Amino acid sequence: MNYYIITYGCQLNRADSERIKTVLESMGYQSAPKIERAGLIVVNMCSIRQSAVNRVYGLVLKFKKIKTQNLKLKTILTGCVLKKDKVKLSKHFDYVLDIKMLPQWPIFFQPHKENRIIKKENCKIKENYLEIKPKYENNFSAFVPIMTGCNNFCSFCVVPYTRNREISRPVKKIILEIKNLVKKGYKEIWLLGQNVNSYRGKITIKKKNAKNQTECIGFSKLLKMVNEIEGNFWIRFTSPHPKDFSKDLIKVMKNCEKYGHYLNLPVQSGDNTILKKMNRKYTIKDYKNLIKEIRKEIPDITLSTDVIVGFPGETKKQFENTVKLFNKIKYDMAYIAEYSPRPQTLAAIKLKDNVSLEEKTKRRKILTEILRKTALENNQKYLKKIVEVLIEKRKKKNVWLGKTKEYKTIEINSNKNLLGKFVKVKVIKFSCWGLKGKLCQKNLS
């Protein structure tokens, strides 16, 4: 009755795995320290790129070896799974379960049940799976999903097909979850969604001698409400869409003292023609103006982005526009992906993947080199500064890794147990991908 969970993909997948743990442990399962000791293996997969899917197929061989040692081993596949992969992978997994059906897993996952794909339409879901209380990864930083799904249908993205349309969690439940976390001493709260700034929640306002009123709460208002919760903690969020980024949100970010000054703002391409093919619904001029406004209001903000190289039809000239954008914006970090066709998406159906793998790799390396230079330049500004740091993990004996409020990775030496604590650190060294600091005498917590 031991389980082991393998999680691929984004922070939302990690948050889902925390809820899977709750359900499995309610069934009597216990966490296994190693995959070889598990009687049940759950793979929470990602389909955003073909390489992510390939990793799951690679696990199948490993499962076969484990099954020679443990004939009773059961396997479950869940997460962001495309219809095509559900059919193929059902031959290698005992169960393929929709993550939205998580409250029903105790009913459907039984050893005597036959191998099959269990569809959510086969049962009546009485509970939103996001309301299951998660088994958080640690006791200082928590993922709080505020919504799931996406309505944007970018031509390269599978999310609308694996997570369906946007559904926002009720405001009160989000606030209650965060209040409980803060009471327990959590120092960092991540608000999660495929497109957080399209959040639309509702709250009922009670009025004396009048009918109760229902107010629609957007992301700006939600962020402000979270900031008003008493306690010493940071707020972070991911991932916003440039087309939905309002001036009001920028002002709220500026005025929320708990907001960590870090923003991942995906651009995907620096060329307008490619952006139109991607169905991104903004221009590079729009994006640059947005960055300009954000930096004007929050000068010390750390900026990262997502970009795809080698999108179908991307010419060398069009790629050069992305190069120009990188040189102009001077990102602190970027997640650079080589385009891979995803089944069901418009790009895979209507566009030819005509940029060679060699050319994609070349373009990725060019952007990485620009990023290396701009990140080094940005990190140099921190030298000799005293920064606030949340210690996230122990790298090795007496060596700790943490994040600044601006989400810069920093390494410090200390023989004290600093895990999950706020500390003050003086920056003594810098590199393109991180900082090194010296612990100040006075700790923050």
Protein backbone atom coordinates (compact mmCIF):
# COMPACT_ATOMS: atom_id res chain seq x y z
CA MET A 1 0.00 0.00 0.00
CA ASN A 2 2.84 2.39 -0.85
CA TYR A 3 2.53 4.99 -3.62
CA TYR A 4 5.03 6.99 -5.66
CA ILE A 5 4.13 10.04 -7.78
CA ILE A 6 6.13 11.21 -10.78
CA THR A 7 5.24 14.79 -11.77
CA TYR A 8 6.13 16.47 -15.05
CA GLY A 9 5.29 19.98 -16.20
CA CYS A 10 4.29 23.24 -14.62
CA GLN A 11 3.48 24.36 -11.09
CA LEU A 12 -0.19 23.54 -11.67
CA ASN A 13 0.76 19.91 -12.19
CA ARG A 14 2.77 20.02 -8.97
CA ALA A 15 -0.27 21.48 -7.18
CA ASP A 16 -2.41 18.68 -8.63
CA SER A 17 0.04 16.07 -7.31
CA GLU A 18 -0.37 17.54 -3.83
CA ARG A 19 -4.09 16.81 -4.08
CA ILE A 20 -3.46 13.32 -5.47
CA LYS A 21 -1.43 12.60 -2.32
CA THR A 22 -4.40 13.57 -0.15
CA VAL A 23 -6.75 11.21 -1.99
CA LEU A 24 -4.32 8.27 -1.99
CA GLU A 25 -3.56 8.65 1.71
CA SER A 26 -7.29 8.80 2.47
CA MET A 27 -7.45 5.36 0.81
CA GLY A 28 -4.77 4.01 3.13
CA TYR A 29 -1.74 4.39 0.91
CA GLN A 30 1.57 5.70 2.24
CA SER A 31 4.32 7.52 0.39
CA ALA A 32 7.18 5.30 -0.79
CA PRO A 33 10.75 6.65 -0.48
CA LYS A 34 11.76 5.04 -3.79
CA ILE A 35 9.87 4.07 -6.93
CA GLU A 36 11.05 0.46 -6.58
CA ARG A 37 9.26 0.18 -3.22
CA ALA A 38 5.88 1.35 -4.54
CA GLY A 39 2.85 -0.82 -5.12
CA LEU A 40 1.17 2.05 -6.93
CA ILE A 41 2.87 4.50 -9.30
CA VAL A 42 1.08 7.64 -10.48
CA VAL A 43 2.44 9.59 -13.45
CA ASN A 44 1.13 13.16 -13.61
CA MET A 45 2.12 14.05 -17.15
CA CYS A 46 2.55 17.18 -19.25
CA SER A 47 1.83 17.44 -22.98
CA ILE A 48 3.07 20.96 -23.66
CA ARG A 49 5.99 19.62 -25.74
CA GLN A 50 6.68 16.29 -27.42
CA SER A 51 9.81 15.87 -25.29
CA ALA A 52 7.58 15.87 -22.18
CA VAL A 53 5.39 13.14 -23.68
CA ASN A 54 8.46 11.11 -24.70
CA ARG A 55 9.56 10.98 -21.07
CA VAL A 56 6.36 9.16 -20.18
CA TYR A 57 6.90 6.60 -22.93
CA GLY A 58 10.43 6.18 -21.56
CA LEU A 59 8.97 5.29 -18.15
CA VAL A 60 7.06 2.35 -19.62
CA LEU A 61 10.26 0.29 -19.95
CA LYS A 62 11.16 1.10 -16.35
CA PHE A 63 7.74 -0.07 -15.18
CA LYS A 64 8.22 -3.42 -16.95
CA LYS A 65 11.46 -4.00 -15.03
CA ILE A 66 9.79 -3.08 -11.71
CA LYS A 67 6.88 -5.41 -12.46
CA THR A 68 9.26 -8.36 -12.74
CA GLN A 69 10.05 -7.73 -9.04
CA ASN A 70 6.50 -6.76 -8.04
CA LEU A 71 3.73 -8.52 -9.97
CA LYS A 72 1.03 -6.63 -8.03
CA LEU A 73 2.27 -3.19 -9.13
CA LYS A 74 -0.48 -0.89 -10.41
CA THR A 75 0.08 2.23 -12.52
CA ILE A 76 -2.06 5.33 -13.08
CA LEU A 77 -1.66 8.01 -15.76
CA THR A 78 -3.21 11.44 -15.19
CA GLY A 79 -2.54 15.14 -15.77
CA CYS A 80 -2.50 16.93 -19.12
CA VAL A 81 -3.07 14.02 -21.52
CA LEU A 82 -4.15 14.40 -25.15
CA LYS A 83 -6.81 12.05 -26.51
CA LYS A 84 -4.30 10.45 -28.88
CA ASP A 85 -1.89 9.66 -26.05
CA LYS A 86 -4.68 8.41 -23.76
CA VAL A 87 -5.47 5.66 -26.25
CA LYS A 88 -1.84 4.67 -26.82
CA LEU A 89 -0.72 4.86 -23.19
CA SER A 90 -3.76 2.97 -21.88
CA LYS A 91 -2.02 -0.16 -23.18
CA HIS A 92 0.87 0.48 -20.77
CA PHE A 93 -0.99 1.83 -17.70
CA ASP A 94 -3.57 0.05 -15.57
CA TYR A 95 -5.65 3.23 -15.35
CA VAL A 96 -5.86 6.51 -17.26
CA LEU A 97 -7.75 8.90 -14.97
CA ASP A 98 -8.89 12.46 -15.59
CA ILE A 99 -7.46 14.77 -12.92
CA LYS A 100 -10.86 16.50 -12.64
CA MET A 101 -12.25 13.14 -11.49
CA LEU A 102 -9.89 13.06 -8.51
CA PRO A 103 -12.71 13.06 -5.91
CA GLN A 104 -14.01 9.85 -7.54
CA TRP A 105 -10.68 8.01 -7.67
CA PRO A 106 -11.50 5.92 -4.55
CA ILE A 107 -14.58 4.62 -6.41
CA PHE A 108 -12.96 3.87 -9.75
CA PHE A 109 -9.47 2.84 -8.71
CA GLN A 110 -9.91 -0.67 -7.36
CA PRO A 111 -7.62 -3.66 -7.96
CA HIS A 112 -10.41 -5.82 -9.44
CA LYS A 113 -11.38 -3.21 -12.04
CA GLU A 114 -10.34 -3.94 -15.60
CA ASN A 115 -7.76 -1.93 -17.52
CA ARG A 116 -9.49 0.97 -19.18
CA ILE A 117 -9.66 4.71 -19.75
CA ILE A 118 -12.15 6.15 -17.29
CA LYS A 119 -13.96 9.14 -18.73
CA LYS A 120 -15.34 11.93 -16.56
CA GLU A 121 -18.72 11.67 -18.31
CA ASN A 122 -19.06 8.16 -16.83
CA CYS A 123 -19.63 9.57 -13.36
CA LYS A 124 -21.34 12.52 -11.71
CA ILE A 125 -18.67 14.74 -10.19
CA LYS A 126 -20.02 16.16 -6.95
CA GLU A 127 -16.91 18.10 -5.98
CA ASN A 128 -14.40 20.37 -7.72
CA TYR A 129 -11.07 18.59 -7.33
CA LEU A 130 -9.34 21.91 -6.56
CA GLU A 131 -11.26 22.01 -3.28
CA ILE A 132 -9.49 18.89 -2.05
CA LYS A 133 -7.10 19.92 0.71
CA PRO A 134 -3.56 19.35 -0.64
CA LYS A 135 -0.58 17.68 1.03
CA TYR A 136 1.77 20.61 0.47
CA GLU A 137 5.35 19.91 -0.66
CA ASN A 138 6.79 21.81 2.30
CA ASN A 139 5.77 24.00 5.22
CA PHE A 140 6.93 27.41 3.96
CA SER A 141 5.94 27.79 0.26
CA ALA A 142 2.56 26.82 -1.20
CA PHE A 143 0.90 26.64 -4.60
CA VAL A 144 -2.68 27.95 -4.59
CA PRO A 145 -4.54 27.39 -7.88
CA ILE A 146 -7.03 30.19 -8.49
CA MET A 147 -8.29 28.82 -11.82
CA THR A 148 -7.75 26.06 -14.33
CA GLY A 149 -8.14 25.76 -18.10
CA CYS A 150 -7.70 28.31 -20.87
CA ASN A 151 -9.90 30.12 -23.43
CA ASN A 152 -7.12 31.55 -25.60
CA PHE A 153 -6.45 28.69 -28.03
CA CYS A 154 -2.93 29.75 -28.98
CA SER A 155 -2.23 27.74 -32.13
CA PHE A 156 0.72 25.88 -30.58
CA CYS A 157 -0.80 25.03 -27.17
CA VAL A 158 -2.64 21.93 -25.95
CA VAL A 159 -3.96 23.34 -22.67
CA PRO A 160 -7.54 24.03 -23.90
CA TYR A 161 -7.66 20.39 -25.06
CA THR A 162 -6.21 18.83 -21.90
CA ARG A 163 -7.61 21.16 -19.20
CA ASN A 164 -10.60 22.54 -21.14
CA ARG A 165 -12.07 26.03 -20.73
CA GLU A 166 -11.33 28.45 -17.90
CA ILE A 167 -12.93 27.82 -14.53
CA SER A 168 -12.21 30.25 -11.68
CA ARG A 169 -12.26 29.12 -8.05
CA PRO A 170 -14.57 30.97 -5.64
CA VAL A 171 -12.91 34.00 -4.04
CA LYS A 172 -13.80 32.99 -0.48
CA LYS A 173 -12.22 29.55 -0.84
CA ILE A 174 -8.99 31.03 -2.19
CA ILE A 175 -8.77 33.59 0.61
CA LEU A 176 -9.61 30.97 3.26
CA GLU A 177 -6.90 28.62 1.99
CA ILE A 178 -4.29 31.40 2.05
CA LYS A 179 -5.33 32.60 5.53
CA ASN A 180 -4.92 29.06 6.86
CA LEU A 181 -1.50 28.78 5.23
CA VAL A 182 -0.32 32.09 6.69
CA LYS A 183 -1.54 31.04 10.17
CA LYS A 184 0.66 27.95 9.83
CA GLY A 185 3.67 30.13 9.07
CA TYR A 186 3.91 29.88 5.30
CA LYS A 187 6.22 32.53 3.86
CA GLU A 188 5.45 32.35 0.14
CA ILE A 189 2.14 31.99 -1.73
CA TRP A 190 2.02 31.25 -5.47
CA LEU A 191 -1.28 32.10 -7.20
CA LEU A 192 -1.57 29.71 -10.14
CA GLY A 193 -3.51 29.59 -13.39
CA GLN A 194 -2.92 29.07 -17.09
CA ASN A 195 -3.89 32.72 -17.51
CA VAL A 196 -4.16 34.25 -14.03
CA ASN A 197 -5.05 37.76 -15.18
CA SER A 198 -8.26 36.51 -16.80
CA TYR A 199 -9.46 35.31 -13.39
CA ARG A 200 -13.15 36.03 -12.79
CA GLY A 201 -14.44 35.11 -9.35
CA LYS A 202 -17.61 36.05 -7.54
CA ILE A 203 -18.29 37.17 -4.00
CA THR A 204 -21.60 37.81 -2.25
CA ILE A 205 -21.89 41.09 -0.39
CA LYS A 206 -24.45 41.06 2.42
CA LYS A 207 -26.44 44.25 2.91
CA LYS A 208 -28.80 45.29 5.68
CA ASN A 209 -32.41 45.81 4.67
CA ALA A 210 -31.58 44.97 1.06
CA LYS A 211 -30.95 42.02 -1.20
CA ASN A 212 -27.47 40.53 -1.15
CA GLN A 213 -25.34 41.66 -4.09
CA THR A 214 -22.94 39.55 -6.13
CA GLU A 215 -19.71 41.28 -7.10
CA CYS A 216 -17.40 40.07 -9.85
CA ILE A 217 -13.76 39.97 -8.72
CA GLY A 218 -10.99 40.26 -11.30
CA PHE A 219 -7.35 39.35 -10.75
CA SER A 220 -6.32 42.87 -9.67
CA LYS A 221 -8.93 42.88 -6.90
CA LEU A 222 -8.03 39.32 -5.84
CA LEU A 223 -4.34 40.25 -5.60
CA LYS A 224 -5.23 43.24 -3.45
CA MET A 225 -7.39 41.05 -1.17
CA VAL A 226 -4.55 38.54 -0.71
CA ASN A 227 -2.17 41.38 0.09
CA GLU A 228 -4.53 42.58 2.85
CA ILE A 229 -4.29 39.25 4.69
CA GLU A 230 -2.33 39.79 7.91
CA GLY A 231 1.05 38.08 8.15
CA ASN A 232 4.63 38.15 6.92
CA PHE A 233 4.63 36.48 3.50
CA TRP A 234 5.36 37.06 -0.17
CA ILE A 235 2.88 36.80 -3.05
CA ARG A 236 3.88 35.49 -6.47
CA PHE A 237 1.77 34.55 -9.47
CA THR A 238 2.04 32.76 -12.79
CA SER A 239 1.29 32.85 -15.61
CA PRO A 240 -0.27 36.03 -17.05
CA HIS A 241 -1.12 36.78 -20.69
CA PRO A 242 0.12 40.10 -22.17
CA LYS A 243 -3.22 40.81 -23.87
CA ASP A 244 -5.04 40.78 -20.49
CA PHE A 245 -2.47 42.83 -18.54
CA SER A 246 -4.22 46.02 -17.41
CA LYS A 247 -2.84 49.27 -16.05
CA ASP A 248 -4.91 48.65 -12.94
CA LEU A 249 -3.03 45.38 -12.33
CA ILE A 250 0.31 47.19 -12.66
CA LYS A 251 -0.79 49.75 -10.05
CA VAL A 252 -1.94 47.01 -7.67
CA MET A 253 1.38 45.18 -8.10
CA LYS A 254 3.22 48.40 -7.30
CA ASN A 255 1.17 49.11 -4.18
CA CYS A 256 1.07 45.57 -2.76
CA GLU A 257 4.00 45.44 -0.36
CA LYS A 258 3.82 41.63 -0.19
CA TYR A 259 4.08 41.15 -3.94
CA GLY A 260 7.49 39.69 -4.86
CA HIS A 261 8.93 41.80 -7.65
CA TYR A 262 9.14 39.01 -10.21
CA LEU A 263 7.10 38.58 -13.39
CA ASN A 264 7.08 35.90 -16.06
CA LEU A 265 5.46 37.51 -19.11
CA PRO A 266 5.47 35.11 -22.08
CA VAL A 267 6.16 36.78 -25.43
CA GLN A 268 6.55 33.56 -27.53
CA SER A 269 7.98 35.47 -30.54
CA GLY A 270 9.43 38.87 -31.37
CA ASP A 271 7.79 39.01 -34.80
CA ASN A 272 4.25 40.24 -35.46
CA THR A 273 3.56 37.84 -38.33
CA ILE A 274 4.52 34.86 -36.19
CA LEU A 275 2.47 36.20 -33.25
CA LYS A 276 -0.55 36.36 -35.53
CA LYS A 277 0.03 32.76 -36.63
CA MET A 278 0.28 31.85 -32.95
CA ASN A 279 -3.07 33.59 -32.24
CA ARG A 280 -1.48 35.67 -29.47
CA LYS A 281 -3.66 38.78 -30.07
CA TYR A 282 -1.05 41.46 -29.32
CA THR A 283 1.77 43.10 -31.26
CA ILE A 284 5.40 43.58 -30.33
CA LYS A 285 4.68 47.28 -29.91
CA ASP A 286 1.94 46.39 -27.39
CA TYR A 287 4.35 44.10 -25.54
CA LYS A 288 7.18 46.66 -25.41
CA ASN A 289 4.83 49.36 -24.15
CA LEU A 290 3.58 47.01 -21.45
CA ILE A 291 7.14 46.23 -20.30
CA LYS A 292 7.95 49.94 -20.33
CA GLU A 293 4.94 50.72 -18.11
CA ILE A 294 5.73 47.87 -15.69
CA ARG A 295 9.38 48.95 -15.32
CA LYS A 296 8.33 52.56 -14.86
CA GLU A 297 6.12 51.63 -11.89
CA ILE A 298 8.31 48.79 -10.50
CA PRO A 299 11.92 49.59 -11.48
CA ASP A 300 13.52 46.66 -9.61
CA ILE A 301 11.25 44.00 -11.11
CA THR A 302 12.84 40.77 -12.38
CA LEU A 303 11.50 39.82 -15.81
CA SER A 304 11.42 36.41 -17.43
CA THR A 305 9.64 35.18 -20.54
CA ASP A 306 8.67 32.14 -22.60
CA VAL A 307 9.64 31.98 -26.26
CA ILE A 308 9.35 29.42 -29.06
CA VAL A 309 11.98 29.21 -31.80
CA GLY A 310 11.42 27.53 -35.15
CA PHE A 311 7.65 28.03 -35.27
CA PRO A 312 6.28 26.85 -38.65
CA GLY A 313 7.31 29.28 -41.38
CA GLU A 314 9.60 31.35 -39.11
CA THR A 315 12.20 32.88 -41.43
CA LYS A 316 15.67 33.97 -40.39
CA LYS A 317 14.52 37.59 -40.66
CA GLN A 318 11.55 36.91 -38.39
CA PHE A 319 13.81 35.20 -35.88
CA GLU A 320 16.07 38.26 -35.96
CA ASN A 321 13.13 40.27 -34.65
CA THR A 322 13.10 38.00 -31.60
CA VAL A 323 16.85 38.57 -31.24
CA LYS A 324 16.24 42.33 -31.34
CA LEU A 325 13.54 41.99 -28.69
CA PHE A 326 15.87 40.04 -26.38
CA ASN A 327 18.56 42.69 -26.78
CA LYS A 328 16.01 45.43 -26.12
CA ILE A 329 14.18 43.97 -23.10
CA LYS A 330 17.28 42.46 -21.42
CA TYR A 331 15.49 39.62 -19.64
CA ASP A 332 16.74 38.13 -16.39
CA MET A 333 15.57 34.66 -17.42
CA ALA A 334 13.85 33.00 -20.37
CA TYR A 335 12.36 29.58 -21.03
CA ILE A 336 13.34 28.92 -24.64
CA ALA A 337 11.59 26.04 -26.39
CA GLU A 338 12.16 24.54 -29.83
CA TYR A 339 8.79 24.18 -31.56
CA SER A 340 7.31 20.70 -31.70
CA PRO A 341 3.90 19.99 -33.31
CA ARG A 342 1.19 19.13 -30.79
CA PRO A 343 -1.79 17.02 -31.91
CA GLN A 344 -5.18 18.80 -32.06
CA THR A 345 -3.61 22.28 -32.17
CA LEU A 346 -4.23 24.56 -35.15
CA ALA A 347 -0.50 24.88 -35.90
CA ALA A 348 -0.11 21.10 -36.17
CA ILE A 349 -3.21 20.76 -38.36
CA LYS A 350 -2.73 23.71 -40.73
CA LEU A 351 0.97 24.62 -40.69
CA LYS A 352 3.98 22.68 -41.93
CA ASP A 353 6.81 22.16 -39.45
CA ASN A 354 9.39 23.32 -41.98
CA VAL A 355 12.22 24.65 -39.78
CA SER A 356 14.90 22.00 -39.35
CA LEU A 357 15.86 20.66 -35.92
CA GLU A 358 19.41 21.89 -36.55
CA GLU A 359 18.16 25.42 -37.23
CA LYS A 360 15.88 25.39 -34.16
CA THR A 361 18.80 24.36 -31.95
CA LYS A 362 20.98 27.09 -33.48
CA ARG A 363 18.33 29.73 -32.79
CA ARG A 364 17.85 28.53 -29.22
CA LYS A 365 21.59 28.83 -28.60
CA ILE A 366 21.67 32.36 -30.01
CA LEU A 367 18.94 33.52 -27.61
CA THR A 368 20.56 31.69 -24.70
CA GLU A 369 23.83 33.54 -25.30
CA ILE A 370 22.04 36.92 -25.33
CA LEU A 371 20.23 35.92 -22.14
CA ARG A 372 23.52 34.94 -20.51
CA LYS A 373 24.90 38.45 -21.14
CA THR A 374 21.79 40.39 -20.05
CA ALA A 375 21.29 38.23 -16.95
CA LEU A 376 24.92 38.84 -15.93
CA GLU A 377 24.47 42.57 -16.45
CA ASN A 378 21.27 42.57 -14.39
CA ASN A 379 22.78 40.52 -11.55
CA GLN A 380 25.81 42.79 -11.29
CA LYS A 381 23.50 45.49 -9.91
CA TYR A 382 22.99 43.41 -6.75
CA LEU A 383 26.66 43.38 -5.74
CA LYS A 384 27.17 44.67 -2.16
CA LYS A 385 23.42 45.09 -1.66
CA ILE A 386 21.59 43.65 1.36
CA VAL A 387 18.63 41.57 0.17
CA GLU A 388 15.77 39.69 1.79
CA VAL A 389 15.93 35.96 1.09
CA LEU A 390 13.64 32.98 1.65
CA ILE A 391 15.79 29.86 2.09
CA GLU A 392 14.33 27.04 -0.05
CA LYS A 393 16.73 24.11 0.26
CA ARG A 394 20.06 22.80 1.47
CA LYS A 395 22.53 22.38 -1.40
CA LYS A 396 25.05 20.50 0.72
CA LYS A 397 26.37 20.64 4.27
CA ASN A 398 26.37 24.25 5.50
CA VAL A 399 25.41 25.54 2.01
CA TRP A 400 21.90 26.88 1.40
CA LEU A 401 19.97 28.07 -1.65
CA GLY A 402 17.23 30.67 -1.51
CA LYS A 403 15.33 33.26 -3.53
CA THR A 404 15.34 37.01 -3.10
CA LYS A 405 12.03 38.87 -3.20
CA GLU A 406 12.88 39.58 -6.85
CA TYR A 407 13.23 35.80 -7.41
CA LYS A 408 17.00 35.80 -7.82
CA THR A 409 18.68 32.54 -6.80
CA ILE A 410 21.29 33.09 -4.10
CA GLU A 411 23.72 30.78 -2.31
CA ILE A 412 24.89 31.34 1.25
CA ASN A 413 27.02 29.48 3.81
CA SER A 414 25.73 28.83 7.32
CA ASN A 415 25.95 26.05 9.89
CA LYS A 416 22.45 26.96 11.13
CA ASN A 417 19.22 25.36 9.91
CA LEU A 418 17.75 28.12 7.76
CA LEU A 419 15.22 26.12 5.75
CA GLY A 420 11.97 28.03 5.23
CA LYS A 421 13.20 31.17 6.97
CA PHE A 422 13.50 34.80 5.88
CA VAL A 423 17.06 36.06 6.29
CA LYS A 424 19.01 39.15 5.36
CA VAL A 425 21.98 38.54 3.08
CA LYS A 426 24.71 40.76 1.68
CA VAL A 427 25.53 39.95 -1.96
CA ILE A 428 29.27 39.31 -2.37
CA LYS A 429 29.43 37.62 -5.80
CA PHE A 430 27.31 37.35 -8.93
CA SER A 431 27.10 35.24 -12.06
CA CYS A 432 24.67 35.13 -14.98
CA TRP A 433 22.40 32.57 -13.29
CA GLY A 434 22.64 33.54 -9.63
CA LEU A 435 24.15 35.36 -6.68
CA LYS A 436 26.31 34.46 -3.72
CA GLY A 437 25.87 36.14 -0.37
CA LYS A 438 26.97 36.42 3.21
CA LEU A 439 24.44 35.99 6.01
CA CYS A 440 23.85 39.21 7.96
CA GLN A 441 23.76 39.09 11.73
CA LYS A 442 20.08 39.97 12.01
CA ASN A 443 17.59 37.43 10.64
CA LEU A 444 14.13 38.55 9.60
CA SER A 445 12.41 35.44 10.97
